[in-house]
Protein backbone atom coordinates (compact mmCIF):
# COMPACT_ATOMS: atom_id res chain seq x y z
CA UNK A 1 0.11 -0.06 -0.09
CA UNK A 2 1.55 3.06 -0.80
CA UNK A 3 1.51 5.92 1.39
CA UNK A 4 -1.28 8.90 0.62
CA UNK A 5 -1.54 12.54 1.25
CA UNK A 6 -4.46 14.03 1.31
CA UNK A 7 -3.76 18.02 0.20
CA UNK A 8 -5.26 21.32 1.24
CA UNK A 9 -8.32 20.17 2.29
CA UNK A 10 -10.72 21.53 5.89
CA UNK A 11 -9.86 18.76 7.77
CA UNK A 12 -12.67 19.01 10.73
CA UNK A 13 -11.79 16.25 13.52
CA UNK A 14 -14.40 17.06 16.44
CA UNK A 15 -12.59 14.88 18.66
CA UNK A 16 -9.52 17.11 18.93
CA UNK A 17 -11.66 20.23 18.21
CA UNK A 18 -9.88 20.83 14.99
CA UNK A 19 -11.07 22.56 12.31
CA UNK A 20 -8.49 24.43 9.61
CA UNK A 21 -7.31 23.79 6.02
CA UNK A 22 -4.31 21.08 6.31
CA UNK A 23 -2.91 17.64 4.72
CA UNK A 24 -3.53 14.41 6.37
CA UNK A 25 -0.83 11.63 5.84
CA UNK A 26 -1.57 7.76 5.45
CA UNK A 27 0.98 5.67 5.81
CA UNK A 28 0.27 1.34 6.54
CA UNK A 29 -3.13 1.80 6.55
CA UNK A 30 -3.00 4.59 9.91
CA UNK A 31 -2.78 8.38 10.54
CA UNK A 32 0.69 9.40 10.18
CA UNK A 33 2.30 12.70 11.09
CA UNK A 34 2.62 14.66 7.44
CA UNK A 35 5.71 16.68 8.50
CA UNK A 36 7.06 14.02 7.53
CA UNK A 37 9.50 14.73 4.31
CA UNK A 38 7.36 13.81 1.13
CA UNK A 39 8.39 11.79 -1.14
CA UNK A 40 7.39 11.60 -4.79
CA UNK A 41 6.11 7.91 -5.01
CA UNK A 42 3.41 8.82 -2.74
CA UNK A 43 -0.02 9.23 -4.11
CA UNK A 44 -2.15 12.52 -3.71
CA UNK A 45 -5.59 13.24 -3.58
CA UNK A 46 -5.90 16.90 -3.86
CA UNK A 47 -9.08 17.70 -1.30
CA UNK A 48 -8.99 21.35 -2.05
CA UNK A 49 -12.81 22.27 -1.60
CA UNK A 50 -13.83 19.56 0.35
CA UNK A 51 -14.04 18.01 4.10
CA UNK A 52 -11.40 15.76 5.28
CA UNK A 53 -13.36 13.78 8.21
CA UNK A 54 -13.09 11.43 10.18
CA UNK A 55 -14.75 8.09 9.06
CA UNK A 56 -18.66 8.51 9.66
CA UNK A 57 -20.21 6.03 11.68
CA UNK A 58 -23.95 4.58 11.78
CA UNK A 59 -24.80 2.83 15.09
CA UNK A 60 -27.83 1.62 13.35
CA UNK A 61 -28.22 -0.14 10.41
CA UNK A 62 -30.08 -3.26 9.50
CA UNK A 63 -27.96 -5.67 6.64
CA UNK A 64 -30.23 -8.95 6.98
CA UNK A 65 -27.53 -11.66 7.19
CA UNK A 66 -28.17 -14.34 8.38
CA UNK A 67 -31.34 -15.61 6.51
CA UNK A 68 -32.89 -12.63 4.80
CA UNK A 69 -29.63 -12.09 2.14
CA UNK A 70 -32.19 -11.37 -0.82
CA UNK A 71 -32.71 -7.77 1.04
CA UNK A 72 -29.58 -7.30 2.01
CA UNK A 73 -26.34 -9.15 2.41
CA UNK A 74 -23.63 -8.00 4.41
CA UNK A 75 -21.79 -7.33 1.31
CA UNK A 76 -23.90 -5.27 -0.04
CA UNK A 77 -24.81 -3.33 2.86
CA UNK A 78 -21.09 -2.10 3.35
CA UNK A 79 -21.03 -0.93 -0.37
CA UNK A 80 -23.99 1.06 0.61
CA UNK A 81 -22.83 2.38 3.55
CA UNK A 82 -19.21 3.31 1.51
CA UNK A 83 -21.34 4.80 -0.84
CA UNK A 84 -22.97 6.98 1.63
CA UNK A 85 -19.41 8.33 3.39
CA UNK A 86 -20.01 5.13 6.43
CA UNK A 87 -16.72 3.47 7.05
CA UNK A 88 -18.10 2.06 10.08
CA UNK A 89 -21.76 0.95 10.64
CA UNK A 90 -23.38 -0.84 13.53
CA UNK A 91 -25.48 -3.68 12.75
CA UNK A 92 -29.30 -4.83 14.41
CA UNK A 93 -29.65 -8.13 15.62
CA UNK A 94 -32.65 -8.98 14.33
CA UNK A 95 -32.37 -11.30 11.92
CA UNK A 96 -32.97 -14.73 10.90
CA UNK A 97 -31.93 -16.14 13.37
CA UNK A 98 -31.24 -13.28 15.45
CA UNK A 99 -28.03 -12.30 16.78
CA UNK A 100 -28.49 -13.99 20.34
CA UNK A 101 -25.62 -16.12 20.95
CA UNK A 102 -21.73 -15.99 20.83
CA UNK A 103 -21.40 -18.38 17.15
CA UNK A 104 -24.18 -15.82 15.32
CA UNK A 105 -21.59 -13.13 16.42
CA UNK A 106 -18.77 -14.89 15.25
CA UNK A 107 -20.43 -16.09 12.06
CA UNK A 108 -20.88 -11.83 11.43
CA UNK A 109 -17.71 -11.18 12.00
CA UNK A 110 -15.82 -13.99 9.66
CA UNK A 111 -18.81 -13.13 7.12
CA UNK A 112 -17.67 -9.09 7.48
CA UNK A 113 -13.66 -9.76 7.10
CA UNK A 114 -14.37 -11.47 4.41
CA UNK A 115 -16.28 -9.65 2.46
CA UNK A 116 -17.34 -6.31 3.81
CA UNK A 117 -15.32 -3.22 2.66
CA UNK A 118 -15.96 -1.46 5.42
CA UNK A 119 -15.72 -1.87 9.68
CA UNK A 120 -18.89 -3.83 10.50
CA UNK A 121 -19.39 -3.72 14.52
CA UNK A 122 -22.31 -6.31 15.54
CA UNK A 123 -24.35 -6.07 18.63
CA UNK A 124 -26.55 -8.61 20.17
CA UNK A 125 -29.65 -8.81 21.34
CA UNK A 126 -30.77 -8.40 24.81
CA UNK A 127 -33.01 -11.30 25.09
CA UNK A 128 -33.25 -14.08 23.33
CA UNK A 129 -35.10 -14.44 19.85
CA UNK A 130 -35.68 -10.63 20.36
CA UNK A 131 -38.86 -12.64 22.24
CA UNK A 132 -38.62 -10.06 25.89
CA UNK A 133 -38.75 -12.84 27.47
CA UNK A 134 -35.59 -14.78 28.93
CA UNK A 135 -32.08 -12.90 28.72
CA UNK A 136 -29.70 -13.70 25.96
CA UNK A 137 -25.67 -15.15 26.99
CA UNK A 138 -25.22 -11.21 27.47
CA UNK A 139 -21.18 -11.70 28.67
CA UNK A 140 -20.41 -15.19 26.48
CA UNK A 141 -21.88 -12.25 23.18
CA UNK A 142 -19.30 -9.74 24.64
CA UNK A 143 -16.68 -11.84 24.81
CA UNK A 144 -17.30 -12.96 21.29
CA UNK A 145 -17.29 -9.37 20.06
CA UNK A 146 -20.46 -6.91 19.76
CA UNK A 147 -20.63 -3.70 20.82
CA UNK A 148 -24.00 -2.85 22.41
CA UNK A 149 -27.14 -5.28 23.61
CA UNK A 150 -30.71 -4.07 21.19
CA UNK A 151 -34.23 -5.75 20.65
CA UNK A 152 -34.46 -3.35 17.69
CA UNK A 153 -37.29 -4.06 15.52
CA UNK A 154 -38.96 -5.03 19.36
CA UNK A 155 -39.07 -3.75 22.46
CA UNK A 156 -39.04 -5.10 26.12
CA UNK A 157 -42.72 -4.46 27.89
CA UNK A 158 -41.29 -6.49 31.06
CA UNK A 159 -39.53 -3.49 32.81
CA UNK A 160 -38.24 -6.14 35.39
CA UNK A 161 -36.42 -7.91 32.20
CA UNK A 162 -34.94 -4.80 31.25
CA UNK A 163 -33.96 -3.91 34.55
CA UNK A 164 -31.57 -7.31 35.02
CA UNK A 165 -30.49 -6.58 31.49
CA UNK A 166 -29.18 -3.00 32.30
CA UNK A 167 -27.02 -4.50 35.41
CA UNK A 168 -25.76 -7.31 33.25
CA UNK A 169 -24.76 -4.89 30.25
CA UNK A 170 -23.32 -2.21 33.46
CA UNK A 171 -20.84 -5.59 34.44
CA UNK A 172 -19.57 -5.55 30.86
CA UNK A 173 -19.53 -1.70 30.33
CA UNK A 174 -21.75 -2.24 27.42
CA UNK A 175 -24.89 0.53 25.92
CA UNK A 176 -28.12 -0.83 25.38
CA UNK A 177 -29.82 0.45 22.66
CA UNK A 178 -33.88 0.64 22.59
CA UNK A 179 -36.58 0.70 20.74
CA UNK A 180 -39.44 2.18 22.20
CA UNK A 181 -42.54 1.18 22.33
CA UNK A 182 -45.60 0.29 23.93
CA UNK A 183 -47.66 -2.11 22.67
CA UNK A 184 -50.43 -1.68 24.29
CA UNK A 185 -50.87 2.31 23.70
CA UNK A 186 -49.14 1.70 19.60
CA UNK A 187 -51.91 -1.60 19.08
CA UNK A 188 -52.00 -2.53 15.50
CA UNK A 189 -50.65 0.74 14.69
CA UNK A 190 -49.22 1.63 11.01
CA UNK A 191 -49.21 5.28 11.27
CA UNK A 192 -49.23 8.50 13.09
CA UNK A 193 -52.25 8.67 15.47
CA UNK A 194 -54.09 11.96 14.61
CA UNK A 195 -56.18 13.77 11.32
CA UNK A 196 -54.81 11.88 8.15
CA UNK A 197 -54.79 8.56 9.96
CA UNK A 198 -58.48 9.24 10.61
CA UNK A 199 -59.45 10.65 7.10
CA UNK A 200 -57.32 7.45 5.90
CA UNK A 201 -58.89 4.98 7.63
CA UNK A 202 -55.56 3.46 8.58
CA UNK A 203 -54.78 2.50 12.61
CA UNK A 204 -53.08 4.99 14.38
CA UNK A 205 -49.86 5.02 16.70
CA UNK A 206 -49.73 7.80 19.07
CA UNK A 207 -46.80 9.84 20.19
CA UNK A 208 -46.95 8.53 23.95
CA UNK A 209 -46.76 4.61 22.61
CA UNK A 210 -43.19 6.04 22.24
CA UNK A 211 -42.75 8.74 24.95
CA UNK A 212 -44.04 6.19 27.72
CA UNK A 213 -41.33 4.28 26.74
CA UNK A 214 -38.53 6.91 26.79
CA UNK A 215 -39.79 7.91 30.02
CA UNK A 216 -39.54 4.01 31.53
CA UNK A 217 -35.78 4.04 30.19
CA UNK A 218 -34.75 7.43 32.04
CA UNK A 219 -36.00 5.91 35.39
CA UNK A 220 -34.54 2.54 34.79
CA UNK A 221 -31.25 4.00 33.63
CA UNK A 222 -31.02 6.55 36.75
CA UNK A 223 -32.04 3.20 39.02
CA UNK A 224 -28.91 0.95 37.14
CA UNK A 225 -26.64 3.56 36.43
CA UNK A 226 -26.50 2.30 33.10
CA UNK A 227 -26.38 4.11 29.84
CA UNK A 228 -29.39 3.47 27.73
CA UNK A 229 -29.48 4.96 24.17
CA UNK A 230 -33.12 5.71 22.50
CA UNK A 231 -33.38 4.93 18.92
CA UNK A 232 -34.70 6.50 16.05
CA UNK A 233 -36.77 9.07 18.42
CA UNK A 234 -39.86 10.63 16.07
CA UNK A 235 -42.16 12.22 19.09
CA UNK A 236 -41.34 15.61 20.21
CA UNK A 237 -42.61 14.41 23.89
CA UNK A 238 -39.38 11.98 24.02
CA UNK A 239 -37.09 14.88 23.15
CA UNK A 240 -38.33 17.10 26.33
CA UNK A 241 -38.19 14.01 28.97
CA UNK A 242 -34.67 13.03 27.22
CA UNK A 243 -33.49 17.02 28.18
CA UNK A 244 -34.46 16.96 31.33
CA UNK A 245 -33.26 13.49 32.03
CA UNK A 246 -29.68 14.63 30.87
CA UNK A 247 -30.12 18.05 32.74
CA UNK A 248 -29.87 15.47 35.96
CA UNK A 249 -27.38 13.01 35.18
CA UNK A 250 -28.81 10.13 33.73
CA UNK A 251 -26.85 8.36 31.40
CA UNK A 252 -29.20 8.36 28.02
CA UNK A 253 -28.98 9.19 24.53
CA UNK A 254 -31.04 9.70 21.69
CA UNK A 255 -30.93 9.69 17.91
CA UNK A 256 -32.76 10.69 14.97
CA UNK A 257 -32.88 9.67 11.53
CA UNK A 258 -33.44 11.80 8.68
CA UNK A 259 -36.78 10.53 7.49
CA UNK A 260 -37.97 11.80 10.40
CA UNK A 261 -37.21 15.07 9.91
CA UNK A 262 -37.41 15.03 5.93
CA UNK A 263 -41.34 13.85 5.80
CA UNK A 264 -44.52 14.23 7.87
CA UNK A 265 -47.09 11.61 8.06
CA UNK A 266 -49.24 13.74 5.23
CA UNK A 267 -46.91 12.11 2.55
CA UNK A 268 -49.24 8.97 2.93
CA UNK A 269 -52.36 9.89 1.47
CA UNK A 270 -51.05 8.46 -1.36
CA UNK A 271 -50.37 5.61 0.52
CA UNK A 272 -47.24 4.72 -0.87
CA UNK A 273 -45.96 1.90 1.70
CA UNK A 274 -42.24 3.58 1.12
CA UNK A 275 -43.34 5.76 3.43
CA UNK A 276 -44.25 3.19 6.04
CA UNK A 277 -42.08 3.08 8.70
CA UNK A 278 -41.09 1.94 12.64
CA UNK A 279 -41.69 4.52 14.49
CA UNK A 280 -43.74 6.28 11.86
CA UNK A 281 -43.55 9.42 10.22
CA UNK A 282 -45.22 12.55 12.20
CA UNK A 283 -46.14 16.19 12.09
CA UNK A 284 -44.43 18.96 11.42
CA UNK A 285 -44.64 20.17 15.13
CA UNK A 286 -43.04 16.71 16.21
CA UNK A 287 -40.43 17.29 13.18
CA UNK A 288 -39.69 21.02 14.89
CA UNK A 289 -39.08 19.62 18.16
CA UNK A 290 -36.57 17.19 16.91
CA UNK A 291 -34.57 19.52 15.14
CA UNK A 292 -34.76 21.57 18.40
CA UNK A 293 -33.56 18.84 20.30
CA UNK A 294 -30.64 18.16 17.55
CA UNK A 295 -29.61 22.42 18.10
CA UNK A 296 -29.31 22.71 21.71
CA UNK A 297 -26.96 19.01 22.08
CA UNK A 298 -30.77 16.89 23.63
CA UNK A 299 -30.13 14.33 20.86
CA UNK A 300 -26.33 13.66 20.03
CA UNK A 301 -26.12 10.62 17.04
CA UNK A 302 -27.39 10.82 13.52
CA UNK A 303 -28.22 7.38 12.14
CA UNK A 304 -30.35 5.58 8.60
CA UNK A 305 -32.03 2.70 10.21
CA UNK A 306 -31.17 1.69 6.94
CA UNK A 307 -33.81 -1.40 7.17
CA UNK A 308 -34.10 -3.09 3.01
CA UNK A 309 -37.07 -4.81 2.03
CA UNK A 310 -37.54 -6.51 -1.15
CA UNK A 311 -39.66 -5.00 -3.86
CA UNK A 312 -42.24 -7.77 -3.79
CA UNK A 313 -43.00 -6.95 -0.01
CA UNK A 314 -43.61 -3.87 -0.42
CA UNK A 315 -46.26 -4.03 -3.08
CA UNK A 316 -48.78 -4.98 -1.21
CA UNK A 317 -51.69 -2.78 1.27
CA UNK A 318 -49.92 -0.40 3.35
CA UNK A 319 -51.38 -2.27 6.32
CA UNK A 320 -49.63 -5.33 5.08
CA UNK A 321 -46.44 -3.84 3.92
CA UNK A 322 -43.67 -3.94 6.27
CA UNK A 323 -42.40 -1.28 7.94
CA UNK A 324 -39.11 0.29 6.90
CA UNK A 325 -36.75 2.14 4.21
CA UNK A 326 -32.86 2.39 2.97
CA UNK A 327 -31.08 5.42 4.26
CA UNK A 328 -27.31 4.65 4.27
CA UNK A 329 -26.50 6.16 0.91
CA UNK A 330 -29.02 8.98 1.44
CA UNK A 331 -28.75 9.97 4.78
CA UNK A 332 -25.58 12.40 4.88
CA UNK A 333 -27.34 14.53 1.93
CA UNK A 334 -30.56 14.76 4.02
CA UNK A 335 -29.14 15.99 7.16
CA UNK A 336 -26.27 18.14 5.43
CA UNK A 337 -29.05 19.94 3.44
CA UNK A 338 -32.08 19.79 5.93
CA UNK A 339 -30.33 20.52 9.80
CA UNK A 340 -26.94 22.62 7.73
CA UNK A 341 -28.04 24.88 4.93
CA UNK A 342 -31.94 25.50 5.15
CA UNK A 343 -33.05 25.12 8.83
CA UNK A 344 -28.98 26.00 10.10
CA UNK A 345 -29.76 24.56 13.14
CA UNK A 346 -25.89 23.15 13.86
CA UNK A 347 -22.60 23.89 12.01
CA UNK A 348 -20.69 21.61 10.19
CA UNK A 349 -18.07 20.68 12.77
CA UNK A 350 -21.29 19.31 15.07
CA UNK A 351 -22.76 16.81 12.38
CA UNK A 352 -19.90 15.13 11.81
CA UNK A 353 -18.96 15.22 15.53
CA UNK A 354 -22.73 13.61 15.33
CA UNK A 355 -22.05 10.91 13.06
CA UNK A 356 -17.94 10.44 14.17
CA UNK A 357 -16.84 10.77 17.91
CA UNK A 358 -20.72 10.70 19.71
CA UNK A 359 -21.66 7.20 18.48
CA UNK A 360 -17.43 6.34 18.95
CA UNK A 361 -17.79 7.31 22.63
CA UNK A 362 -20.93 6.03 23.44
CA UNK A 363 -20.28 2.74 22.18
CA UNK A 364 -16.36 2.19 23.18
CA UNK A 365 -14.86 2.35 19.19
CA UNK A 366 -11.50 3.08 18.41
CA UNK A 367 -13.01 5.07 15.54
CA UNK A 368 -14.43 8.49 14.68
CA UNK A 369 -10.99 10.11 15.50
CA UNK A 370 -7.85 11.12 13.08
CA UNK A 371 -5.35 10.84 15.99
CA UNK A 372 -2.14 9.98 14.83
CA UNK A 373 -1.50 6.62 14.67
CA UNK A 374 -5.62 6.01 14.74
CA UNK A 375 -6.61 3.91 11.54
CA UNK A 376 -6.76 5.70 8.32
CA UNK A 377 -10.88 5.70 8.38
CA UNK A 378 -11.54 9.07 6.03
CA UNK A 379 -14.37 10.64 4.28
CA UNK A 380 -13.99 13.29 2.35
CA UNK A 381 -17.60 15.51 1.91
CA UNK A 382 -18.36 18.47 -0.46
CA UNK A 383 -21.24 20.21 1.44
CA UNK A 384 -22.04 22.17 -1.61
CA UNK A 385 -22.46 19.41 -4.07
CA UNK A 386 -26.33 19.42 -5.29
CA UNK A 387 -27.54 15.78 -7.00
CA UNK A 388 -30.04 13.46 -7.35
CA UNK A 389 -30.98 10.76 -5.62
CA UNK A 390 -31.49 8.01 -8.32
CA UNK A 391 -33.02 4.34 -6.29
CA UNK A 392 -31.59 2.35 -9.11
CA UNK A 393 -28.04 3.32 -8.80
CA UNK A 394 -28.07 2.08 -5.50
CA UNK A 395 -25.67 -0.35 -4.17
CA UNK A 396 -28.33 -1.52 -2.02
CA UNK A 397 -29.85 -5.25 -3.04
CA UNK A 398 -32.76 -3.03 -2.59
CA UNK A 399 -35.21 -0.48 -3.58
CA UNK A 400 -37.76 0.96 -0.68
CA UNK A 401 -36.46 4.71 -0.25
CA UNK A 402 -39.22 7.58 -0.64
CA UNK A 403 -36.58 10.19 -1.67
CA UNK A 404 -36.46 8.71 -5.17
CA UNK A 405 -35.63 11.74 -7.38
CA UNK A 406 -35.47 13.88 -4.32
CA UNK A 407 -32.91 16.81 -5.01
CA UNK A 408 -29.88 17.15 -2.24
CA UNK A 409 -27.38 19.76 -1.59
CA UNK A 410 -24.06 18.17 0.30
CA UNK A 411 -22.62 14.21 -0.67
CA UNK A 412 -19.63 12.03 0.35
CA UNK A 413 -17.36 12.13 -2.70
CA UNK A 414 -14.59 9.47 -1.28
CA UNK A 415 -15.12 6.79 1.48
CA UNK A 416 -11.28 5.41 2.99
CA UNK A 417 -11.02 2.37 5.13
CA UNK A 418 -7.61 1.49 6.80
CA UNK A 419 -6.01 4.03 4.49
CA UNK A 420 -7.54 2.24 1.14
CA UNK A 421 -10.03 4.31 -1.57
CA UNK A 422 -13.32 1.63 -0.97
CA UNK A 423 -15.88 4.52 -2.67
CA UNK A 424 -15.39 7.60 -4.93
CA UNK A 425 -17.81 9.23 -6.77
C-alpha cells in the first residue's frame, strides 16, 4: 500500500476540536505525521474545497444476514455504507436467526472480514429470539465481539427483564440501545395517530406509545446507572423527556433518522408503502421539536435505521407492508441539506461530531478520530454538491426509498477505510 497524502482539505476532527486547512498523511493504513519528508512516489489526492473528516459511523443499520440475504447482505450493505460516506456501521441483531448467541456473532464477524469493504460492528440481542422474555447470554456475546445490546425491531415490555438486562450490561461496560414502543398503546397502528390517519382510515399509532418507553428508560437508566440509548426518536415529547433526564445527569441519549425530519404523515395520503416506517412519520410540530433537540444538544447522534426490503414485500396494501426504508446512501445528504443548509440548526463540525466521536464514545469504538496512529478511516465530503437521489443506482439489494428523485445539497465524494479508497464518486 503506497502512502497517501490528502492535500489542502478542510480538516474537521471534532475529537481534537480541529477545523483547519491542512494535509493528512496515510501510511500503512494509519494516520501519520504530514510533516514527514515527502516522497514523490506517494499517491496524492487533492482535497481542496472538500471536508476531510474522520470516517463516518452509522450506529443503526440492518444488513439482514444471516437469513434474509434477498433483502441485503453484509457485502451489499457495506457497499451502500461506503457509497454514503460511512466507514463503520453497527448492525442490528434482528436477523434470522437472531444474534442472540456467540456463534452468530462470530459468523457475522468472519463474514464481514471476508466480504465487507467497511468496518462491521455487531450488536447482540438483549433477549433470546428478541422475544423479550428471557435474557440472552450477554457475557459470552460480549466476549465474542458485540459492541452493544438491543432488541431493535421489538421492545422489551417487561420492566423487570429490562432492569436485569441493564444490570448485566453494566458488568461488561455495554450500552443498551432501545426501540421505544409500548405495544398496548400502539396496538396495530401503522401510521401516526392524528387527523391524517383518521381521514385515511388507517390504524393510528400515538406519540405516547414512544414517549412512555423513553420515560421508562430514563427511570431505569438512573436506577441501574447503565447507559441507555433511545433509537430513532420520532416524537417531540420524547425530546422533552430526554432533555430533562440528561439535565439531571442520567446516562440516557437519543438519535434521530433523516426521514423523521424530512417527511410528515401527510406523505402517506398516497398510500405509498415506502413511507411506512417504525416509528411512523409524525407532524411538522414533531419535526420542529426534534430539530430543536439537535440544536440544543439533547439529541447527540444521527443514524439511518437502514432497513432494506424486497420490492414484492412493499407492493401490498399499506396495512400489510413491512416497516422500513433504505437510508445509508441518502442520510448524509438529507442531514446536511436540512440541518445545515436549510434550518441552520447546527454547523458542519457539529454534524460531523454526531456521525463520528459521539457514536464512538457511546459504544466505545476505536474510531471517529484523526489522531496520529489511528486507523485511516476518512470521509471526504463536498457540502455544496447538488445531486439527485436515484434509487436505481443504489448499491443496496433493495429499492425501498421514498426519496427517489429528491434534489439534495451535500454528499460524500470519497470513502477511505484503513488507507484504501473503497468508494469514490
